[in-house]
Amino acid sequence: MRVFSRSALPHLLLAAAAFLSLSACAEIPHDRFHPLWLMLCMLPLQLGALFWVRLTQSPQGLMLPASDRCPAAEHSVDDGRH
């Protein structure tokens, strides 16, 4: 028996990455703040967001329609006049 659906997995992964990042950020000593430590703490959230985007993309959303395939697009020739 499945506890959660396949579509819930990316959201759980993102929530876990956010929890890990915020927990790591909370452990930084506030009297010795350093930007590199902050960037390192945000790395799990950034990677989780990249995986979330990759896992939630639909195959139809991977290719944007080109203007030459769009019948509503107007093609004009630039003659240099403004």
PDB file of N, CA and C in Angstrom:
ATOM      1  N   MET A   1       0.838  -1.175   0.000  1.00  0.00           N
ATOM      2  CA  MET A   1       0.000   0.000   0.000  1.00  0.00           C
ATOM      3  C   MET A   1       0.888   1.245   0.000  1.00  0.00           C
ATOM      4  N   ARG A   2       0.579   2.171  -0.886  1.00  0.00           N
ATOM      5  CA  ARG A   2       1.371   3.396  -1.004  1.00  0.00           C
ATOM      6  C   ARG A   2       0.836   4.437  -0.030  1.00  0.00           C
ATOM      7  N   VAL A   3       1.756   5.061   0.689  1.00  0.00           N
ATOM      8  CA  VAL A   3       1.354   6.066   1.671  1.00  0.00           C
ATOM      9  C   VAL A   3       1.112   7.412   1.003  1.00  0.00           C
ATOM     10  N   PHE A   4       1.940   7.774   0.023  1.00  0.00           N
ATOM     11  CA  PHE A   4       1.782   9.044  -0.680  1.00  0.00           C
ATOM     12  C   PHE A   4       1.902   8.814  -2.179  1.00  0.00           C
ATOM     13  N   SER A   5       1.338   9.716  -2.925  1.00  0.00           N
ATOM     14  CA  SER A   5       1.370   9.570  -4.374  1.00  0.00           C
ATOM     15  C   SER A   5       2.737   9.987  -4.926  1.00  0.00           C
ATOM     16  N   ARG A   6       2.949   9.647  -6.185  1.00  0.00           N
ATOM     17  CA  ARG A   6       4.212   9.988  -6.845  1.00  0.00           C
ATOM     18  C   ARG A   6       4.357  11.496  -7.000  1.00  0.00           C
ATOM     19  N   SER A   7       3.254  12.206  -7.125  1.00  0.00           N
ATOM     20  CA  SER A   7       3.336  13.656  -7.279  1.00  0.00           C
ATOM     21  C   SER A   7       3.694  14.355  -5.971  1.00  0.00           C
ATOM     22  N   ALA A   8       3.566  13.678  -4.843  1.00  0.00           N
ATOM     23  CA  ALA A   8       3.904  14.286  -3.561  1.00  0.00           C
ATOM     24  C   ALA A   8       5.399  14.191  -3.259  1.00  0.00           C
ATOM     25  N   LEU A   9       6.098  13.300  -3.931  1.00  0.00           N
ATOM     26  CA  LEU A   9       7.527  13.106  -3.659  1.00  0.00           C
ATOM     27  C   LEU A   9       8.364  14.365  -3.875  1.00  0.00           C
ATOM     28  N   PRO A  10       8.204  15.110  -4.985  1.00  0.00           N
ATOM     29  CA  PRO A  10       9.010  16.330  -5.149  1.00  0.00           C
ATOM     30  C   PRO A  10       8.734  17.369  -4.059  1.00  0.00           C
ATOM     31  N   HIS A  11       7.482  17.452  -3.619  1.00  0.00           N
ATOM     32  CA  HIS A  11       7.140  18.430  -2.585  1.00  0.00           C
ATOM     33  C   HIS A  11       7.731  18.037  -1.234  1.00  0.00           C
ATOM     34  N   LEU A  12       7.732  16.749  -0.939  1.00  0.00           N
ATOM     35  CA  LEU A  12       8.353  16.286   0.300  1.00  0.00           C
ATOM     36  C   LEU A  12       9.863  16.483   0.259  1.00  0.00           C
ATOM     37  N   LEU A  13      10.464  16.255  -0.891  1.00  0.00           N
ATOM     38  CA  LEU A  13      11.903  16.473  -1.048  1.00  0.00           C
ATOM     39  C   LEU A  13      12.257  17.942  -0.839  1.00  0.00           C
ATOM     40  N   LEU A  14      11.450  18.827  -1.390  1.00  0.00           N
ATOM     41  CA  LEU A  14      11.701  20.260  -1.227  1.00  0.00           C
ATOM     42  C   LEU A  14      11.509  20.691   0.219  1.00  0.00           C
ATOM     43  N   ALA A  15      10.493  20.155   0.885  1.00  0.00           N
ATOM     44  CA  ALA A  15      10.268  20.489   2.291  1.00  0.00           C
ATOM     45  C   ALA A  15      11.415  19.987   3.167  1.00  0.00           C
ATOM     46  N   ALA A  16      11.911  18.788   2.878  1.00  0.00           N
ATOM     47  CA  ALA A  16      13.041  18.255   3.646  1.00  0.00           C
ATOM     48  C   ALA A  16      14.304  19.084   3.413  1.00  0.00           C
ATOM     49  N   ALA A  17      14.528  19.516   2.176  1.00  0.00           N
ATOM     50  CA  ALA A  17      15.695  20.349   1.879  1.00  0.00           C
ATOM     51  C   ALA A  17      15.586  21.699   2.573  1.00  0.00           C
ATOM     52  N   ALA A  18      14.385  22.270   2.605  1.00  0.00           N
ATOM     53  CA  ALA A  18      14.189  23.550   3.292  1.00  0.00           C
ATOM     54  C   ALA A  18      14.419  23.396   4.789  1.00  0.00           C
ATOM     55  N   PHE A  19      13.925  22.309   5.368  1.00  0.00           N
ATOM     56  CA  PHE A  19      14.136  22.066   6.795  1.00  0.00           C
ATOM     57  C   PHE A  19      15.619  21.902   7.108  1.00  0.00           C
ATOM     58  N   LEU A  20      16.332  21.167   6.255  1.00  0.00           N
ATOM     59  CA  LEU A  20      17.766  20.960   6.462  1.00  0.00           C
ATOM     60  C   LEU A  20      18.532  22.279   6.355  1.00  0.00           C
ATOM     61  N   SER A  21      18.182  23.098   5.363  1.00  0.00           N
ATOM     62  CA  SER A  21      18.868  24.375   5.186  1.00  0.00           C
ATOM     63  C   SER A  21      18.606  25.320   6.356  1.00  0.00           C
ATOM     64  N   LEU A  22      17.354  25.418   6.763  1.00  0.00           N
ATOM     65  CA  LEU A  22      17.036  26.329   7.868  1.00  0.00           C
ATOM     66  C   LEU A  22      17.608  25.838   9.183  1.00  0.00           C
ATOM     67  N   SER A  23      17.663  24.522   9.383  1.00  0.00           N
ATOM     68  CA  SER A  23      18.288  23.987  10.592  1.00  0.00           C
ATOM     69  C   SER A  23      19.783  24.285  10.614  1.00  0.00           C
ATOM     70  N   ALA A  24      20.427  24.128   9.469  1.00  0.00           N
ATOM     71  CA  ALA A  24      21.862  24.430   9.393  1.00  0.00           C
ATOM     72  C   ALA A  24      22.110  25.920   9.574  1.00  0.00           C
ATOM     73  N   CYS A  25      21.222  26.736   9.057  1.00  0.00           N
ATOM     74  CA  CYS A  25      21.371  28.189   9.192  1.00  0.00           C
ATOM     75  C   CYS A  25      21.179  28.625  10.649  1.00  0.00           C
ATOM     76  N   ALA A  26      20.326  27.921  11.363  1.00  0.00           N
ATOM     77  CA  ALA A  26      20.096  28.252  12.769  1.00  0.00           C
ATOM     78  C   ALA A  26      21.283  27.890  13.638  1.00  0.00           C
ATOM     79  N   GLU A  27      22.121  26.972  13.174  1.00  0.00           N
ATOM     80  CA  GLU A  27      23.283  26.548  13.949  1.00  0.00           C
ATOM     81  C   GLU A  27      24.486  27.480  13.797  1.00  0.00           C
ATOM     82  N   ILE A  28      24.419  28.434  12.881  1.00  0.00           N
ATOM     83  CA  ILE A  28      25.534  29.374  12.697  1.00  0.00           C
ATOM     84  C   ILE A  28      25.624  30.272  13.922  1.00  0.00           C
ATOM     85  N   PRO A  29      26.810  30.408  14.514  1.00  0.00           N
ATOM     86  CA  PRO A  29      26.945  31.340  15.634  1.00  0.00           C
ATOM     87  C   PRO A  29      26.664  32.770  15.169  1.00  0.00           C
ATOM     88  N   HIS A  30      25.787  33.434  15.872  1.00  0.00           N
ATOM     89  CA  HIS A  30      25.377  34.767  15.453  1.00  0.00           C
ATOM     90  C   HIS A  30      26.448  35.830  15.701  1.00  0.00           C
ATOM     91  N   ASP A  31      27.395  35.560  16.569  1.00  0.00           N
ATOM     92  CA  ASP A  31      28.452  36.546  16.809  1.00  0.00           C
ATOM     93  C   ASP A  31      29.596  36.420  15.804  1.00  0.00           C
ATOM     94  N   ARG A  32      29.663  35.303  15.063  1.00  0.00           N
ATOM     95  CA  ARG A  32      30.705  35.119  14.053  1.00  0.00           C
ATOM     96  C   ARG A  32      30.073  34.825  12.699  1.00  0.00           C
ATOM     97  N   PHE A  33      29.301  35.737  12.197  1.00  0.00           N
ATOM     98  CA  PHE A  33      28.604  35.567  10.924  1.00  0.00           C
ATOM     99  C   PHE A  33      29.598  35.646   9.774  1.00  0.00           C
ATOM    100  N   HIS A  34      29.475  34.722   8.826  1.00  0.00           N
ATOM    101  CA  HIS A  34      30.314  34.739   7.636  1.00  0.00           C
ATOM    102  C   HIS A  34      29.448  34.372   6.437  1.00  0.00           C
ATOM    103  N   PRO A  35      29.534  35.138   5.342  1.00  0.00           N
ATOM    104  CA  PRO A  35      28.675  34.878   4.179  1.00  0.00           C
ATOM    105  C   PRO A  35      28.881  33.505   3.537  1.00  0.00           C
ATOM    106  N   LEU A  36      30.096  32.977   3.590  1.00  0.00           N
ATOM    107  CA  LEU A  36      30.331  31.658   2.995  1.00  0.00           C
ATOM    108  C   LEU A  36      29.588  30.555   3.745  1.00  0.00           C
ATOM    109  N   TRP A  37      29.508  30.678   5.069  1.00  0.00           N
ATOM    110  CA  TRP A  37      28.742  29.703   5.838  1.00  0.00           C
ATOM    111  C   TRP A  37      27.262  29.780   5.497  1.00  0.00           C
ATOM    112  N   LEU A  38      26.767  30.997   5.296  1.00  0.00           N
ATOM    113  CA  LEU A  38      25.367  31.161   4.928  1.00  0.00           C
ATOM    114  C   LEU A  38      25.083  30.544   3.560  1.00  0.00           C
ATOM    115  N   MET A  39      25.994  30.748   2.607  1.00  0.00           N
ATOM    116  CA  MET A  39      25.818  30.148   1.277  1.00  0.00           C
ATOM    117  C   MET A  39      25.877  28.627   1.364  1.00  0.00           C
ATOM    118  N   LEU A  40      26.752  28.104   2.203  1.00  0.00           N
ATOM    119  CA  LEU A  40      26.852  26.658   2.375  1.00  0.00           C
ATOM    120  C   LEU A  40      25.582  26.086   3.009  1.00  0.00           C
ATOM    121  N   CYS A  41      24.985  26.837   3.930  1.00  0.00           N
ATOM    122  CA  CYS A  41      23.750  26.381   4.562  1.00  0.00           C
ATOM    123  C   CYS A  41      22.580  26.375   3.582  1.00  0.00           C
ATOM    124  N   MET A  42      22.590  27.269   2.622  1.00  0.00           N
ATOM    125  CA  MET A  42      21.492  27.342   1.652  1.00  0.00           C
ATOM    126  C   MET A  42      21.654  26.360   0.491  1.00  0.00           C
ATOM    127  N   LEU A  43      22.779  25.668   0.421  1.00  0.00           N
ATOM    128  CA  LEU A  43      23.017  24.726  -0.666  1.00  0.00           C
ATOM    129  C   LEU A  43      21.982  23.597  -0.738  1.00  0.00           C
ATOM    130  N   PRO A  44      21.579  22.972   0.380  1.00  0.00           N
ATOM    131  CA  PRO A  44      20.539  21.933   0.262  1.00  0.00           C
ATOM    132  C   PRO A  44      19.221  22.468  -0.293  1.00  0.00           C
ATOM    133  N   LEU A  45      18.853  23.678   0.072  1.00  0.00           N
ATOM    134  CA  LEU A  45      17.615  24.256  -0.447  1.00  0.00           C
ATOM    135  C   LEU A  45      17.723  24.521  -1.943  1.00  0.00           C
ATOM    136  N   GLN A  46      18.860  25.002  -2.393  1.00  0.00           N
ATOM    137  CA  GLN A  46      19.047  25.258  -3.817  1.00  0.00           C
ATOM    138  C   GLN A  46      19.026  23.958  -4.622  1.00  0.00           C
ATOM    139  N   LEU A  47      19.690  22.940  -4.123  1.00  0.00           N
ATOM    140  CA  LEU A  47      19.680  21.648  -4.813  1.00  0.00           C
ATOM    141  C   LEU A  47      18.292  21.023  -4.787  1.00  0.00           C
ATOM    142  N   GLY A  48      17.600  21.155  -3.661  1.00  0.00           N
ATOM    143  CA  GLY A  48      16.232  20.648  -3.580  1.00  0.00           C
ATOM    144  C   GLY A  48      15.304  21.350  -4.545  1.00  0.00           C
ATOM    145  N   ALA A  49      15.487  22.651  -4.726  1.00  0.00           N
ATOM    146  CA  ALA A  49      14.665  23.390  -5.688  1.00  0.00           C
ATOM    147  C   ALA A  49      14.957  22.944  -7.115  1.00  0.00           C
ATOM    148  N   LEU A  50      16.227  22.681  -7.422  1.00  0.00           N
ATOM    149  CA  LEU A  50      16.560  22.182  -8.757  1.00  0.00           C
ATOM    150  C   LEU A  50      15.940  20.810  -9.019  1.00  0.00           C
ATOM    151  N   PHE A  51      15.998  19.912  -8.026  1.00  0.00           N
ATOM    152  CA  PHE A  51      15.367  18.609  -8.178  1.00  0.00           C
ATOM    153  C   PHE A  51      13.849  18.736  -8.282  1.00  0.00           C
ATOM    154  N   TRP A  52      13.267  19.663  -7.518  1.00  0.00           N
ATOM    155  CA  TRP A  52      11.822  19.871  -7.570  1.00  0.00           C
ATOM    156  C   TRP A  52      11.389  20.307  -8.964  1.00  0.00           C
ATOM    157  N   VAL A  53      12.127  21.242  -9.552  1.00  0.00           N
ATOM    158  CA  VAL A  53      11.794  21.698 -10.907  1.00  0.00           C
ATOM    159  C   VAL A  53      11.942  20.556 -11.898  1.00  0.00           C
ATOM    160  N   ARG A  54      12.983  19.776 -11.752  1.00  0.00           N
ATOM    161  CA  ARG A  54      13.227  18.665 -12.678  1.00  0.00           C
ATOM    162  C   ARG A  54      12.153  17.584 -12.562  1.00  0.00           C
ATOM    163  N   LEU A  55      11.712  17.296 -11.337  1.00  0.00           N
ATOM    164  CA  LEU A  55      10.743  16.219 -11.128  1.00  0.00           C
ATOM    165  C   LEU A  55       9.310  16.648 -11.426  1.00  0.00           C
ATOM    166  N   THR A  56       9.008  17.927 -11.356  1.00  0.00           N
ATOM    167  CA  THR A  56       7.628  18.371 -11.583  1.00  0.00           C
ATOM    168  C   THR A  56       7.383  18.849 -12.999  1.00  0.00           C
ATOM    169  N   GLN A  57       8.379  18.857 -13.857  1.00  0.00           N
ATOM    170  CA  GLN A  57       8.176  19.277 -15.241  1.00  0.00           C
ATOM    171  C   GLN A  57       7.392  18.221 -15.992  1.00  0.00           C
ATOM    172  N   SER A  58       6.470  18.669 -16.797  1.00  0.00           N
ATOM    173  CA  SER A  58       5.749  17.743 -17.657  1.00  0.00           C
ATOM    174  C   SER A  58       6.482  17.643 -18.994  1.00  0.00           C
ATOM    175  N   PRO A  59       6.372  16.529 -19.683  1.00  0.00           N
ATOM    176  CA  PRO A  59       7.062  16.405 -20.978  1.00  0.00           C
ATOM    177  C   PRO A  59       6.592  17.439 -22.003  1.00  0.00           C
ATOM    178  N   GLN A  60       5.338  17.889 -21.914  1.00  0.00           N
ATOM    179  CA  GLN A  60       4.860  18.891 -22.845  1.00  0.00           C
ATOM    180  C   GLN A  60       5.477  20.253 -22.552  1.00  0.00           C
ATOM    181  N   GLY A  61       5.873  20.494 -21.326  1.00  0.00           N
ATOM    182  CA  GLY A  61       6.421  21.783 -20.948  1.00  0.00           C
ATOM    183  C   GLY A  61       7.894  21.950 -21.258  1.00  0.00           C
ATOM    184  N   LEU A  62       8.527  20.921 -21.782  1.00  0.00           N
ATOM    185  CA  LEU A  62       9.957  21.003 -22.043  1.00  0.00           C
ATOM    186  C   LEU A  62      10.288  21.817 -23.281  1.00  0.00           C
ATOM    187  N   MET A  63       9.382  21.866 -24.250  1.00  0.00           N
ATOM    188  CA  MET A  63       9.676  22.556 -25.489  1.00  0.00           C
ATOM    189  C   MET A  63       8.713  23.726 -25.673  1.00  0.00           C
ATOM    190  N   LEU A  64       9.239  24.910 -25.760  1.00  0.00           N
ATOM    191  CA  LEU A  64       8.413  26.076 -26.003  1.00  0.00           C
ATOM    192  C   LEU A  64       8.100  26.180 -27.488  1.00  0.00           C
ATOM    193  N   PRO A  65       6.893  26.612 -27.829  1.00  0.00           N
ATOM    194  CA  PRO A  65       6.569  26.720 -29.256  1.00  0.00           C
ATOM    195  C   PRO A  65       7.371  27.837 -29.909  1.00  0.00           C
ATOM    196  N   ALA A  66       7.892  27.561 -31.088  1.00  0.00           N
ATOM    197  CA  ALA A  66       8.638  28.568 -31.838  1.00  0.00           C
ATOM    198  C   ALA A  66       7.653  29.478 -32.552  1.00  0.00           C
ATOM    199  N   SER A  67       8.067  30.694 -32.821  1.00  0.00           N
ATOM    200  CA  SER A  67       7.156  31.656 -33.445  1.00  0.00           C
ATOM    201  C   SER A  67       6.786  31.243 -34.860  1.00  0.00           C
ATOM    202  N   ASP A  68       7.654  30.498 -35.544  1.00  0.00           N
ATOM    203  CA  ASP A  68       7.309  30.085 -36.904  1.00  0.00           C
ATOM    204  C   ASP A  68       6.285  28.953 -36.907  1.00  0.00           C
ATOM    205  N   ARG A  69       6.101  28.286 -35.764  1.00  0.00           N
ATOM    206  CA  ARG A  69       5.077  27.254 -35.673  1.00  0.00           C
ATOM    207  C   ARG A  69       3.763  27.808 -35.145  1.00  0.00           C
ATOM    208  N   CYS A  70       3.764  29.024 -34.684  1.00  0.00           N
ATOM    209  CA  CYS A  70       2.575  29.641 -34.099  1.00  0.00           C
ATOM    210  C   CYS A  70       1.803  30.384 -35.192  1.00  0.00           C
ATOM    211  N   PRO A  71       0.568  30.002 -35.481  1.00  0.00           N
ATOM    212  CA  PRO A  71      -0.163  30.666 -36.561  1.00  0.00           C
ATOM    213  C   PRO A  71      -0.560  32.106 -36.232  1.00  0.00           C
ATOM    214  N   ALA A  72      -0.600  32.472 -34.955  1.00  0.00           N
ATOM    215  CA  ALA A  72      -1.008  33.823 -34.587  1.00  0.00           C
ATOM    216  C   ALA A  72       0.146  34.816 -34.619  1.00  0.00           C
ATOM    217  N   ALA A  73       1.381  34.342 -34.793  1.00  0.00           N
ATOM    218  CA  ALA A  73       2.533  35.236 -34.792  1.00  0.00           C
ATOM    219  C   ALA A  73       2.578  36.036 -36.090  1.00  0.00           C
ATOM    220  N   GLU A  74       2.869  37.301 -35.953  1.00  0.00           N
ATOM    221  CA  GLU A  74       2.981  38.164 -37.134  1.00  0.00           C
ATOM    222  C   GLU A  74       4.453  38.312 -37.482  1.00  0.00           C
ATOM    223  N   HIS A  75       4.774  38.040 -38.720  1.00  0.00           N
ATOM    224  CA  HIS A  75       6.149  38.189 -39.178  1.00  0.00           C
ATOM    225  C   HIS A  75       6.236  39.466 -39.998  1.00  0.00           C
ATOM    226  N   SER A  76       7.147  40.319 -39.633  1.00  0.00           N
ATOM    227  CA  SER A  76       7.318  41.559 -40.367  1.00  0.00           C
ATOM    228  C   SER A  76       8.787  41.722 -40.729  1.00  0.00           C
ATOM    229  N   VAL A  77       9.021  42.446 -41.775  1.00  0.00           N
ATOM    230  CA  VAL A  77      10.377  42.725 -42.226  1.00  0.00           C
ATOM    231  C   VAL A  77      10.769  44.092 -41.705  1.00  0.00           C
ATOM    232  N   ASP A  78      11.906  44.161 -41.072  1.00  0.00           N
ATOM    233  CA  ASP A  78      12.380  45.445 -40.561  1.00  0.00           C
ATOM    234  C   ASP A  78      13.045  46.192 -41.700  1.00  0.00           C
ATOM    235  N   ASP A  79      12.406  47.273 -42.127  1.00  0.00           N
ATOM    236  CA  ASP A  79      12.967  48.034 -43.249  1.00  0.00           C
ATOM    237  C   ASP A  79      13.854  49.186 -42.789  1.00  0.00           C
ATOM    238  N   GLY A  80      14.081  49.313 -41.508  1.00  0.00           N
ATOM    239  CA  GLY A  80      14.990  50.348 -41.014  1.00  0.00           C
ATOM    240  C   GLY A  80      14.302  51.665 -40.688  1.00  0.00           C
ATOM    241  N   ARG A  81      13.036  51.841 -41.040  1.00  0.00           N
ATOM    242  CA  ARG A  81      12.353  53.090 -40.712  1.00  0.00           C
ATOM    243  C   ARG A  81      11.744  53.006 -39.324  1.00  0.00           C
ATOM    244  N   HIS A  82      11.793  54.113 -38.606  1.00  0.00           N
ATOM    245  CA  HIS A  82      11.215  54.150 -37.261  1.00  0.00           C
ATOM    246  C   HIS A  82      10.110  55.145 -37.181  1.00  0.00           C
TER     247      HIS A  82
END
